[in-house]
């Protein structure tokens, strides 16, 4: 997923296309402001990072 800075540089049209292309779907996307879309994407990203298993010491080396 792109960083917040990368998302903020995108136009709303490109941002909406990115959301659709990445498989994220917001039913109200057509009337959503750019900031709300970015916030939602950041929440999704945080949730995904929380669900990833943390690497063990063996895997890290």
N, C-alpha and C. Protein backbone atom coordinates (compact mmCIF):
# COMPACT_ATOMS: atom_id res chain seq x y z
N UNK A 1 0.84 -1.18 0.00
CA UNK A 1 0.00 0.00 0.00
C UNK A 1 0.89 1.24 0.00
N UNK A 2 0.41 2.26 -0.63
CA UNK A 2 1.15 3.52 -0.71
C UNK A 2 1.17 4.22 0.64
N UNK A 3 2.15 5.11 0.80
CA UNK A 3 2.23 5.89 2.03
C UNK A 3 1.19 7.00 2.00
N UNK A 4 0.95 7.59 3.16
CA UNK A 4 -0.02 8.68 3.24
C UNK A 4 0.38 9.84 2.32
N UNK A 5 1.68 10.15 2.27
CA UNK A 5 2.16 11.24 1.42
C UNK A 5 1.88 10.96 -0.06
N UNK A 6 2.09 9.72 -0.46
CA UNK A 6 1.82 9.34 -1.85
C UNK A 6 0.33 9.46 -2.16
N UNK A 7 -0.50 9.05 -1.23
CA UNK A 7 -1.94 9.13 -1.43
C UNK A 7 -2.40 10.58 -1.52
N UNK A 8 -1.80 11.45 -0.69
CA UNK A 8 -2.21 12.85 -0.68
C UNK A 8 -1.84 13.58 -1.96
N UNK A 9 -0.82 13.10 -2.68
CA UNK A 9 -0.43 13.75 -3.93
C UNK A 9 -1.31 13.33 -5.10
N UNK A 10 -2.09 12.26 -4.92
CA UNK A 10 -2.96 11.78 -6.00
C UNK A 10 -4.20 12.66 -6.13
N UNK A 11 -4.72 12.75 -7.34
CA UNK A 11 -5.98 13.45 -7.52
C UNK A 11 -7.09 12.55 -6.99
N UNK A 12 -8.25 13.13 -6.74
CA UNK A 12 -9.37 12.36 -6.22
C UNK A 12 -9.74 11.24 -7.19
N UNK A 13 -9.73 11.54 -8.47
CA UNK A 13 -10.08 10.54 -9.48
C UNK A 13 -9.10 9.36 -9.43
N UNK A 14 -7.79 9.67 -9.36
CA UNK A 14 -6.79 8.61 -9.29
C UNK A 14 -6.89 7.85 -7.98
N UNK A 15 -7.19 8.57 -6.91
CA UNK A 15 -7.32 7.94 -5.60
C UNK A 15 -8.48 6.95 -5.59
N UNK A 16 -9.60 7.34 -6.16
CA UNK A 16 -10.75 6.43 -6.24
C UNK A 16 -10.42 5.20 -7.09
N UNK A 17 -9.70 5.41 -8.18
CA UNK A 17 -9.29 4.29 -9.04
C UNK A 17 -8.35 3.36 -8.27
N UNK A 18 -7.45 3.94 -7.49
CA UNK A 18 -6.51 3.15 -6.68
C UNK A 18 -7.25 2.28 -5.67
N UNK A 19 -8.27 2.87 -5.04
CA UNK A 19 -9.06 2.13 -4.05
C UNK A 19 -9.72 0.93 -4.71
N UNK A 20 -10.29 1.14 -5.86
CA UNK A 20 -10.97 0.06 -6.58
C UNK A 20 -9.96 -1.00 -7.02
N UNK A 21 -8.81 -0.55 -7.56
CA UNK A 21 -7.80 -1.48 -8.06
C UNK A 21 -7.18 -2.33 -6.95
N UNK A 22 -7.10 -1.78 -5.73
CA UNK A 22 -6.51 -2.54 -4.63
C UNK A 22 -7.51 -3.45 -3.95
N UNK A 23 -8.74 -3.44 -4.42
CA UNK A 23 -9.74 -4.35 -3.87
C UNK A 23 -10.46 -3.80 -2.67
N UNK A 24 -10.22 -2.56 -2.32
CA UNK A 24 -10.94 -1.93 -1.22
C UNK A 24 -12.19 -1.29 -1.81
N UNK A 25 -13.30 -1.43 -1.13
CA UNK A 25 -14.54 -0.91 -1.67
C UNK A 25 -15.28 -0.12 -0.61
N UNK A 26 -15.57 1.11 -0.92
CA UNK A 26 -16.38 1.93 -0.03
C UNK A 26 -17.67 2.22 -0.78
N UNK A 27 -18.82 1.84 -0.24
CA UNK A 27 -20.07 2.05 -0.96
C UNK A 27 -20.36 3.53 -1.25
N UNK A 28 -19.81 4.41 -0.45
CA UNK A 28 -20.07 5.84 -0.61
C UNK A 28 -18.92 6.55 -1.31
N UNK A 29 -18.08 5.83 -2.02
CA UNK A 29 -16.87 6.39 -2.61
C UNK A 29 -17.16 7.57 -3.53
N UNK A 30 -18.24 7.53 -4.25
CA UNK A 30 -18.55 8.59 -5.20
C UNK A 30 -18.73 9.95 -4.57
N UNK A 31 -19.17 10.00 -3.31
CA UNK A 31 -19.41 11.30 -2.68
C UNK A 31 -18.46 11.56 -1.51
N UNK A 32 -17.39 10.78 -1.44
CA UNK A 32 -16.47 10.90 -0.32
C UNK A 32 -15.36 11.90 -0.60
N UNK A 33 -14.99 12.64 0.42
CA UNK A 33 -13.89 13.59 0.29
C UNK A 33 -12.57 12.83 0.34
N UNK A 34 -11.55 13.40 -0.28
CA UNK A 34 -10.24 12.79 -0.38
C UNK A 34 -9.67 12.43 1.00
N UNK A 35 -9.79 13.31 1.97
CA UNK A 35 -9.24 13.07 3.31
C UNK A 35 -9.89 11.85 3.96
N UNK A 36 -11.18 11.67 3.75
CA UNK A 36 -11.88 10.52 4.33
C UNK A 36 -11.40 9.22 3.69
N UNK A 37 -11.18 9.25 2.39
CA UNK A 37 -10.70 8.07 1.69
C UNK A 37 -9.32 7.69 2.21
N UNK A 38 -8.45 8.67 2.36
CA UNK A 38 -7.09 8.40 2.84
C UNK A 38 -7.13 7.87 4.26
N UNK A 39 -7.95 8.46 5.11
CA UNK A 39 -8.07 7.98 6.49
C UNK A 39 -8.53 6.53 6.53
N UNK A 40 -9.50 6.21 5.71
CA UNK A 40 -10.02 4.84 5.66
C UNK A 40 -8.93 3.86 5.19
N UNK A 41 -8.18 4.26 4.17
CA UNK A 41 -7.10 3.41 3.68
C UNK A 41 -6.03 3.20 4.76
N UNK A 42 -5.73 4.25 5.53
CA UNK A 42 -4.73 4.13 6.59
C UNK A 42 -5.23 3.18 7.70
N UNK A 43 -6.53 3.21 7.97
CA UNK A 43 -7.11 2.29 8.96
C UNK A 43 -7.01 0.86 8.47
N UNK A 44 -7.31 0.65 7.20
CA UNK A 44 -7.22 -0.69 6.61
C UNK A 44 -5.79 -1.18 6.68
N UNK A 45 -4.85 -0.29 6.36
CA UNK A 45 -3.43 -0.66 6.40
C UNK A 45 -3.00 -1.04 7.81
N UNK A 46 -3.43 -0.27 8.80
CA UNK A 46 -3.07 -0.55 10.19
C UNK A 46 -3.65 -1.89 10.63
N UNK A 47 -4.88 -2.18 10.23
CA UNK A 47 -5.49 -3.45 10.58
C UNK A 47 -4.74 -4.62 9.96
N UNK A 48 -4.32 -4.45 8.72
CA UNK A 48 -3.57 -5.52 8.04
C UNK A 48 -2.22 -5.75 8.71
N UNK A 49 -1.56 -4.67 9.11
CA UNK A 49 -0.26 -4.80 9.76
C UNK A 49 -0.41 -5.45 11.13
N UNK A 50 -1.51 -5.19 11.80
CA UNK A 50 -1.74 -5.80 13.12
C UNK A 50 -2.00 -7.30 13.00
N UNK A 51 -2.58 -7.74 11.90
CA UNK A 51 -2.93 -9.14 11.77
C UNK A 51 -1.78 -9.99 11.23
N UNK A 52 -0.72 -9.33 10.72
CA UNK A 52 0.42 -10.09 10.23
C UNK A 52 1.15 -10.73 11.41
N UNK A 53 1.58 -11.96 11.27
CA UNK A 53 2.33 -12.56 12.36
C UNK A 53 3.69 -11.86 12.51
N UNK A 54 4.05 -11.62 13.73
CA UNK A 54 5.34 -10.95 13.97
C UNK A 54 6.46 -11.97 13.73
N UNK A 55 7.53 -11.55 13.10
CA UNK A 55 8.62 -12.50 12.82
C UNK A 55 9.31 -12.93 14.11
N UNK A 56 9.66 -14.18 14.17
CA UNK A 56 10.37 -14.67 15.34
C UNK A 56 11.85 -14.31 15.21
N UNK A 57 12.59 -14.52 16.27
CA UNK A 57 14.01 -14.19 16.26
C UNK A 57 14.76 -14.99 15.19
N UNK A 58 14.33 -16.23 14.97
CA UNK A 58 14.98 -17.07 13.96
C UNK A 58 14.78 -16.51 12.56
N UNK A 59 13.56 -16.07 12.27
CA UNK A 59 13.25 -15.53 10.94
C UNK A 59 13.95 -14.20 10.69
N UNK A 60 14.16 -13.43 11.74
CA UNK A 60 14.73 -12.11 11.61
C UNK A 60 16.23 -12.17 11.26
N UNK A 61 16.89 -13.25 11.63
CA UNK A 61 18.34 -13.33 11.37
C UNK A 61 18.64 -13.99 10.07
